[in-house]
Amino acid sequence: MKDKAPKRPAFDVFLSHNSKDKPAARALAALLAERGIKVWFDEDQLVPGHRWQALLEKGIKESATGAVLVGADGIGPWEDEEMQALLSQAVREKKPVIPVLLPGAPETPELPVFLANRTWVDMRKGFAEENLAKLIWGITGKKPDSKSARKPAHDLEVAVTRLRHGAERLVGREKEMARLDAAWHDPKTHVVTIVA
C-alpha cells in the first residue's frame, strides 16, 4: 500500500492585515505575486455572496505560512482572530508565522507575546528588494542568493501610507498606486508622471 504524499497547500502565504493598512497590504500582495508567490489576500479570495468567515478559515488552512502585517494602528480585531488561528496552526502543524512591520509601524512595535517571539521582517522603510527577499525566504524556506536580493524592486522602495485616493475602485493598478505612495513620502520627489 502506497503512502499518500502530503497535499501541497493551495497558497504559499496568508496575508493577515488590519483593514486600515489595506493599501500597504494590497501593494505587498502584488509585489509577492510578481515574484511567483501564491498569496491568499482577502480582496482576491472573498467571493461575493459567500460567508467570508468560512472563506477566511479555509484560506488559513490552505496556506503554507502566515504573514501578520503590522502598521501604524497595530493589529485590528479581525486580524487578531486570524493571528490566533495562524499561531495555533504554527504549534499544531509547524507552519511559520511571520510578523511584518509595515511602513508607519512604530519604532518600538508592541506585538502580542506569541507573535513577538518570532523573527520579523522590517519593512518600515519600504518594500525594498532586500526586505522582500527576507519575507520570501520566510515564506518558502529558501534563502535567495545575495545577487537577487540587491536588485531594486522596480527601482522603487515602496512606502505605503494613507495617501487619499480612490484605489479601492481601481483594478490592476497596484504598482502605480505603490509608486504614488512612495513618491508621497520621498522628500526628493517633486513630480511623478504617469502616462495612461
C-alpha atoms as a PDB file:
ATOM      1  CA  MET A   1       0.000   0.000   0.000  1.00  0.00           C
ATOM      2  CA  LYS A   2       1.448   3.338  -1.052  1.00  0.00           C
ATOM      3  CA  ASP A   3       1.621   6.247   1.355  1.00  0.00           C
ATOM      4  CA  LYS A   4      -0.213   9.288   0.113  1.00  0.00           C
ATOM      5  CA  ALA A   5       2.018  12.272  -0.497  1.00  0.00           C
ATOM      6  CA  PRO A   6       1.035  15.198   1.702  1.00  0.00           C
ATOM      7  CA  LYS A   7      -1.274  17.613  -0.053  1.00  0.00           C
ATOM      8  CA  ARG A   8       0.557  20.752  -1.175  1.00  0.00           C
ATOM      9  CA  PRO A   9      -1.054  23.916   0.220  1.00  0.00           C
ATOM     10  CA  ALA A  10      -3.031  25.954  -2.305  1.00  0.00           C
ATOM     11  CA  PHE A  11      -1.290  29.166  -1.178  1.00  0.00           C
ATOM     12  CA  ASP A  12       2.252  29.985  -0.127  1.00  0.00           C
ATOM     13  CA  VAL A  13       1.192  32.695   2.324  1.00  0.00           C
ATOM     14  CA  PHE A  14      -1.916  34.067   4.010  1.00  0.00           C
ATOM     15  CA  LEU A  15      -1.671  37.865   4.412  1.00  0.00           C
ATOM     16  CA  SER A  16      -3.351  38.942   7.634  1.00  0.00           C
ATOM     17  CA  HIS A  17      -3.744  42.703   7.966  1.00  0.00           C
ATOM     18  CA  ASN A  18      -5.621  45.484   9.696  1.00  0.00           C
ATOM     19  CA  SER A  19      -8.208  46.964   7.307  1.00  0.00           C
ATOM     20  CA  LYS A  20      -6.593  50.374   7.960  1.00  0.00           C
ATOM     21  CA  ASP A  21      -3.439  49.004   6.283  1.00  0.00           C
ATOM     22  CA  LYS A  22      -5.270  47.874   3.119  1.00  0.00           C
ATOM     23  CA  PRO A  23      -3.158  49.969   0.673  1.00  0.00           C
ATOM     24  CA  ALA A  24       0.092  48.554   2.085  1.00  0.00           C
ATOM     25  CA  ALA A  25      -1.283  45.011   2.153  1.00  0.00           C
ATOM     26  CA  ARG A  26      -2.519  45.368  -1.426  1.00  0.00           C
ATOM     27  CA  ALA A  27       0.887  46.612  -2.631  1.00  0.00           C
ATOM     28  CA  LEU A  28       2.735  43.844  -0.775  1.00  0.00           C
ATOM     29  CA  ALA A  29       0.396  41.173  -2.181  1.00  0.00           C
ATOM     30  CA  ALA A  30       1.061  42.456  -5.713  1.00  0.00           C
ATOM     31  CA  LEU A  31       4.854  42.524  -5.210  1.00  0.00           C
ATOM     32  CA  LEU A  32       4.863  38.966  -3.837  1.00  0.00           C
ATOM     33  CA  ALA A  33       2.643  37.697  -6.670  1.00  0.00           C
ATOM     34  CA  GLU A  34       5.032  39.263  -9.214  1.00  0.00           C
ATOM     35  CA  ARG A  35       7.779  37.119  -7.686  1.00  0.00           C
ATOM     36  CA  GLY A  36       5.815  33.882  -8.079  1.00  0.00           C
ATOM     37  CA  ILE A  37       4.431  33.655  -4.535  1.00  0.00           C
ATOM     38  CA  LYS A  38       0.839  32.369  -4.326  1.00  0.00           C
ATOM     39  CA  VAL A  39      -0.809  34.844  -1.957  1.00  0.00           C
ATOM     40  CA  TRP A  40      -4.114  34.475  -0.104  1.00  0.00           C
ATOM     41  CA  PHE A  41      -5.347  38.069   0.022  1.00  0.00           C
ATOM     42  CA  ASP A  42      -8.919  38.862   1.013  1.00  0.00           C
ATOM     43  CA  GLU A  43      -9.726  41.089  -1.974  1.00  0.00           C
ATOM     44  CA  ASP A  44      -8.734  38.285  -4.333  1.00  0.00           C
ATOM     45  CA  GLN A  45     -10.336  35.380  -2.467  1.00  0.00           C
ATOM     46  CA  LEU A  46     -13.531  36.544  -0.719  1.00  0.00           C
ATOM     47  CA  VAL A  47     -16.248  35.641  -3.195  1.00  0.00           C
ATOM     48  CA  PRO A  48     -19.283  37.968  -3.139  1.00  0.00           C
ATOM     49  CA  GLY A  49     -22.352  36.306  -1.676  1.00  0.00           C
ATOM     50  CA  HIS A  50     -20.402  33.715   0.322  1.00  0.00           C
ATOM     51  CA  ARG A  51     -19.814  33.611   4.078  1.00  0.00           C
ATOM     52  CA  TRP A  52     -16.493  35.391   4.446  1.00  0.00           C
ATOM     53  CA  GLN A  53     -15.600  33.843   7.827  1.00  0.00           C
ATOM     54  CA  ALA A  54     -15.673  30.370   6.286  1.00  0.00           C
ATOM     55  CA  LEU A  55     -13.512  31.605   3.398  1.00  0.00           C
ATOM     56  CA  LEU A  56     -11.002  33.144   5.840  1.00  0.00           C
ATOM     57  CA  GLU A  57     -10.792  29.862   7.731  1.00  0.00           C
ATOM     58  CA  LYS A  58     -10.308  27.914   4.510  1.00  0.00           C
ATOM     59  CA  GLY A  59      -7.595  30.375   3.394  1.00  0.00           C
ATOM     60  CA  ILE A  60      -5.685  29.976   6.654  1.00  0.00           C
ATOM     61  CA  LYS A  61      -5.902  26.183   6.463  1.00  0.00           C
ATOM     62  CA  GLU A  62      -4.834  26.118   2.793  1.00  0.00           C
ATOM     63  CA  SER A  63      -1.783  28.381   3.248  1.00  0.00           C
ATOM     64  CA  ALA A  64       1.711  27.061   3.970  1.00  0.00           C
ATOM     65  CA  THR A  65       2.646  30.151   6.002  1.00  0.00           C
ATOM     66  CA  GLY A  66       1.046  33.204   7.532  1.00  0.00           C
ATOM     67  CA  ALA A  67       2.266  36.795   7.496  1.00  0.00           C
ATOM     68  CA  VAL A  68       0.826  39.129  10.122  1.00  0.00           C
ATOM     69  CA  LEU A  69       1.181  42.695   8.842  1.00  0.00           C
ATOM     70  CA  VAL A  70       1.571  45.384  11.500  1.00  0.00           C
ATOM     71  CA  GLY A  71       1.232  49.057  10.607  1.00  0.00           C
ATOM     72  CA  ALA A  72       0.683  52.338  12.462  1.00  0.00           C
ATOM     73  CA  ASP A  73      -2.615  51.201  14.016  1.00  0.00           C
ATOM     74  CA  GLY A  74      -1.369  47.836  15.240  1.00  0.00           C
ATOM     75  CA  ILE A  75      -3.372  44.653  14.935  1.00  0.00           C
ATOM     76  CA  GLY A  76      -7.066  45.059  14.153  1.00  0.00           C
ATOM     77  CA  PRO A  77      -9.879  42.956  15.683  1.00  0.00           C
ATOM     78  CA  TRP A  78     -10.321  40.529  12.777  1.00  0.00           C
ATOM     79  CA  GLU A  79      -6.572  40.434  12.215  1.00  0.00           C
ATOM     80  CA  ASP A  80      -6.227  39.353  15.842  1.00  0.00           C
ATOM     81  CA  GLU A  81      -8.606  36.439  15.180  1.00  0.00           C
ATOM     82  CA  GLU A  82      -6.601  35.461  12.076  1.00  0.00           C
ATOM     83  CA  MET A  83      -3.322  35.760  14.006  1.00  0.00           C
ATOM     84  CA  GLN A  84      -4.647  33.474  16.769  1.00  0.00           C
ATOM     85  CA  ALA A  85      -5.637  30.863  14.167  1.00  0.00           C
ATOM     86  CA  LEU A  86      -2.257  31.146  12.421  1.00  0.00           C
ATOM     87  CA  LEU A  87      -0.369  30.783  15.726  1.00  0.00           C
ATOM     88  CA  SER A  88      -2.491  27.765  16.622  1.00  0.00           C
ATOM     89  CA  GLN A  89      -1.505  26.149  13.317  1.00  0.00           C
ATOM     90  CA  ALA A  90       2.118  27.081  13.968  1.00  0.00           C
ATOM     91  CA  VAL A  91       2.015  24.943  17.110  1.00  0.00           C
ATOM     92  CA  ARG A  92      -0.028  22.066  15.672  1.00  0.00           C
ATOM     93  CA  GLU A  93       1.384  21.853  12.154  1.00  0.00           C
ATOM     94  CA  LYS A  94       4.700  23.733  12.434  1.00  0.00           C
ATOM     95  CA  LYS A  95       3.602  26.348   9.893  1.00  0.00           C
ATOM     96  CA  PRO A  96       5.690  29.542  10.035  1.00  0.00           C
ATOM     97  CA  VAL A  97       4.041  32.798  11.119  1.00  0.00           C
ATOM     98  CA  ILE A  98       5.987  35.886  10.064  1.00  0.00           C
ATOM     99  CA  PRO A  99       5.436  39.287  11.677  1.00  0.00           C
ATOM    100  CA  VAL A 100       5.905  42.018   9.036  1.00  0.00           C
ATOM    101  CA  LEU A 101       6.397  45.620  10.159  1.00  0.00           C
ATOM    102  CA  LEU A 102       4.858  47.900   7.539  1.00  0.00           C
ATOM    103  CA  PRO A 103       5.778  51.496   6.733  1.00  0.00           C
ATOM    104  CA  GLY A 104       4.318  53.597   9.519  1.00  0.00           C
ATOM    105  CA  ALA A 105       4.732  50.912  12.206  1.00  0.00           C
ATOM    106  CA  PRO A 106       6.076  52.322  15.493  1.00  0.00           C
ATOM    107  CA  GLU A 107       9.805  52.433  16.252  1.00  0.00           C
ATOM    108  CA  THR A 108       9.195  50.001  19.115  1.00  0.00           C
ATOM    109  CA  PRO A 109       6.229  47.897  17.999  1.00  0.00           C
ATOM    110  CA  GLU A 110       4.002  46.339  20.650  1.00  0.00           C
ATOM    111  CA  LEU A 111       3.440  42.826  19.363  1.00  0.00           C
ATOM    112  CA  PRO A 112       1.466  40.124  21.153  1.00  0.00           C
ATOM    113  CA  VAL A 113       3.807  37.836  23.149  1.00  0.00           C
ATOM    114  CA  PHE A 114       3.416  34.773  20.931  1.00  0.00           C
ATOM    115  CA  LEU A 115       3.976  36.819  17.776  1.00  0.00           C
ATOM    116  CA  ALA A 116       6.892  38.801  19.221  1.00  0.00           C
ATOM    117  CA  ASN A 117       8.941  35.639  19.785  1.00  0.00           C
ATOM    118  CA  ARG A 118       9.252  35.131  16.017  1.00  0.00           C
ATOM    119  CA  THR A 119      11.795  36.810  13.762  1.00  0.00           C
ATOM    120  CA  TRP A 120      10.083  39.671  11.982  1.00  0.00           C
ATOM    121  CA  VAL A 121      10.650  41.287   8.607  1.00  0.00           C
ATOM    122  CA  ASP A 122      11.147  45.035   8.958  1.00  0.00           C
ATOM    123  CA  MET A 123       9.616  46.941   6.047  1.00  0.00           C
ATOM    124  CA  ARG A 124       9.155  50.233   7.885  1.00  0.00           C
ATOM    125  CA  LYS A 125      11.457  51.959   5.383  1.00  0.00           C
ATOM    126  CA  GLY A 126       9.663  50.482   2.385  1.00  0.00           C
ATOM    127  CA  PHE A 127       9.327  47.384   0.258  1.00  0.00           C
ATOM    128  CA  ALA A 128      12.918  47.286  -0.943  1.00  0.00           C
ATOM    129  CA  GLU A 129      14.006  44.115  -2.735  1.00  0.00           C
ATOM    130  CA  GLU A 130      16.221  43.129   0.197  1.00  0.00           C
ATOM    131  CA  ASN A 131      13.189  43.205   2.539  1.00  0.00           C
ATOM    132  CA  LEU A 132      11.021  41.325   0.042  1.00  0.00           C
ATOM    133  CA  ALA A 133      13.777  38.697  -0.266  1.00  0.00           C
ATOM    134  CA  LYS A 134      13.728  38.186   3.525  1.00  0.00           C
ATOM    135  CA  LEU A 135       9.965  37.775   3.512  1.00  0.00           C
ATOM    136  CA  ILE A 136      10.110  35.329   0.604  1.00  0.00           C
ATOM    137  CA  TRP A 137      12.799  33.384   2.482  1.00  0.00           C
ATOM    138  CA  GLY A 138      10.414  33.102   5.444  1.00  0.00           C
ATOM    139  CA  ILE A 139       7.564  32.036   3.166  1.00  0.00           C
ATOM    140  CA  THR A 140       9.445  29.494   1.044  1.00  0.00           C
ATOM    141  CA  GLY A 141      12.210  28.428   3.444  1.00  0.00           C
ATOM    142  CA  LYS A 142      14.725  29.042   0.646  1.00  0.00           C
ATOM    143  CA  LYS A 143      17.230  31.828   1.143  1.00  0.00           C
ATOM    144  CA  PRO A 144      17.603  33.881  -2.037  1.00  0.00           C
ATOM    145  CA  ASP A 145      21.093  34.414  -3.380  1.00  0.00           C
ATOM    146  CA  SER A 146      22.692  37.719  -2.439  1.00  0.00           C
ATOM    147  CA  LYS A 147      22.711  38.976  -6.062  1.00  0.00           C
ATOM    148  CA  SER A 148      18.940  38.796  -6.456  1.00  0.00           C
ATOM    149  CA  ALA A 149      18.421  40.436  -3.055  1.00  0.00           C
ATOM    150  CA  ARG A 150      20.387  43.501  -4.199  1.00  0.00           C
ATOM    151  CA  LYS A 151      18.498  44.351  -7.368  1.00  0.00           C
ATOM    152  CA  PRO A 152      15.854  47.032  -6.841  1.00  0.00           C
ATOM    153  CA  ALA A 153      12.155  46.232  -6.770  1.00  0.00           C
ATOM    154  CA  HIS A 154      11.189  48.085  -9.945  1.00  0.00           C
ATOM    155  CA  ASP A 155      13.826  50.664  -8.898  1.00  0.00           C
ATOM    156  CA  LEU A 156      11.407  51.655  -6.165  1.00  0.00           C
ATOM    157  CA  GLU A 157      11.226  51.409  -2.400  1.00  0.00           C
ATOM    158  CA  VAL A 158       7.535  51.427  -1.641  1.00  0.00           C
ATOM    159  CA  ALA A 159       6.435  53.428   1.376  1.00  0.00           C
ATOM    160  CA  VAL A 160       2.704  52.881   1.573  1.00  0.00           C
ATOM    161  CA  THR A 161       0.686  55.404   3.540  1.00  0.00           C
ATOM    162  CA  ARG A 162      -2.836  56.619   3.818  1.00  0.00           C
ATOM    163  CA  LEU A 163      -2.494  58.764   0.717  1.00  0.00           C
ATOM    164  CA  ARG A 164      -6.049  59.761  -0.172  1.00  0.00           C
ATOM    165  CA  HIS A 165      -7.091  58.155  -3.433  1.00  0.00           C
ATOM    166  CA  GLY A 166      -9.813  56.063  -4.988  1.00  0.00           C
ATOM    167  CA  ALA A 167      -7.600  52.967  -5.334  1.00  0.00           C
ATOM    168  CA  GLU A 168     -10.264  50.708  -3.883  1.00  0.00           C
ATOM    169  CA  ARG A 169     -12.286  51.414  -7.043  1.00  0.00           C
ATOM    170  CA  LEU A 170      -9.380  50.677  -9.391  1.00  0.00           C
ATOM    171  CA  VAL A 171      -8.431  47.199 -10.514  1.00  0.00           C
ATOM    172  CA  GLY A 172      -4.922  46.186 -11.564  1.00  0.00           C
ATOM    173  CA  ARG A 173      -3.206  49.439 -10.540  1.00  0.00           C
ATOM    174  CA  GLU A 174      -1.223  48.171  -7.543  1.00  0.00           C
ATOM    175  CA  LYS A 175       2.203  49.088  -8.956  1.00  0.00           C
ATOM    176  CA  GLU A 176       1.081  52.560  -9.958  1.00  0.00           C
ATOM    177  CA  MET A 177      -0.504  53.220  -6.552  1.00  0.00           C
ATOM    178  CA  ALA A 178       2.633  51.916  -4.822  1.00  0.00           C
ATOM    179  CA  ARG A 179       4.736  54.318  -6.923  1.00  0.00           C
ATOM    180  CA  LEU A 180       2.484  57.247  -5.915  1.00  0.00           C
ATOM    181  CA  ASP A 181       2.606  56.212  -2.268  1.00  0.00           C
ATOM    182  CA  ALA A 182       6.412  56.047  -2.403  1.00  0.00           C
ATOM    183  CA  ALA A 183       6.649  59.464  -4.049  1.00  0.00           C
ATOM    184  CA  TRP A 184       4.372  60.943  -1.393  1.00  0.00           C
ATOM    185  CA  HIS A 185       6.952  60.146   1.308  1.00  0.00           C
ATOM    186  CA  ASP A 186      10.136  60.803  -0.637  1.00  0.00           C
ATOM    187  CA  PRO A 187      11.350  64.342   0.108  1.00  0.00           C
ATOM    188  CA  LYS A 188      13.444  64.277  -3.096  1.00  0.00           C
ATOM    189  CA  THR A 189      10.450  63.577  -5.352  1.00  0.00           C
ATOM    190  CA  HIS A 190       8.754  66.691  -6.651  1.00  0.00           C
ATOM    191  CA  VAL A 191       6.950  65.375  -9.714  1.00  0.00           C
ATOM    192  CA  VAL A 192       5.552  61.978 -10.629  1.00  0.00           C
ATOM    193  CA  THR A 193       4.380  61.417 -14.186  1.00  0.00           C
ATOM    194  CA  ILE A 194       2.052  58.568 -15.073  1.00  0.00           C
ATOM    195  CA  VAL A 195       1.192  58.082 -18.713  1.00  0.00           C
ATOM    196  CA  ALA A 196      -2.047  56.188 -19.161  1.00  0.00           C
END
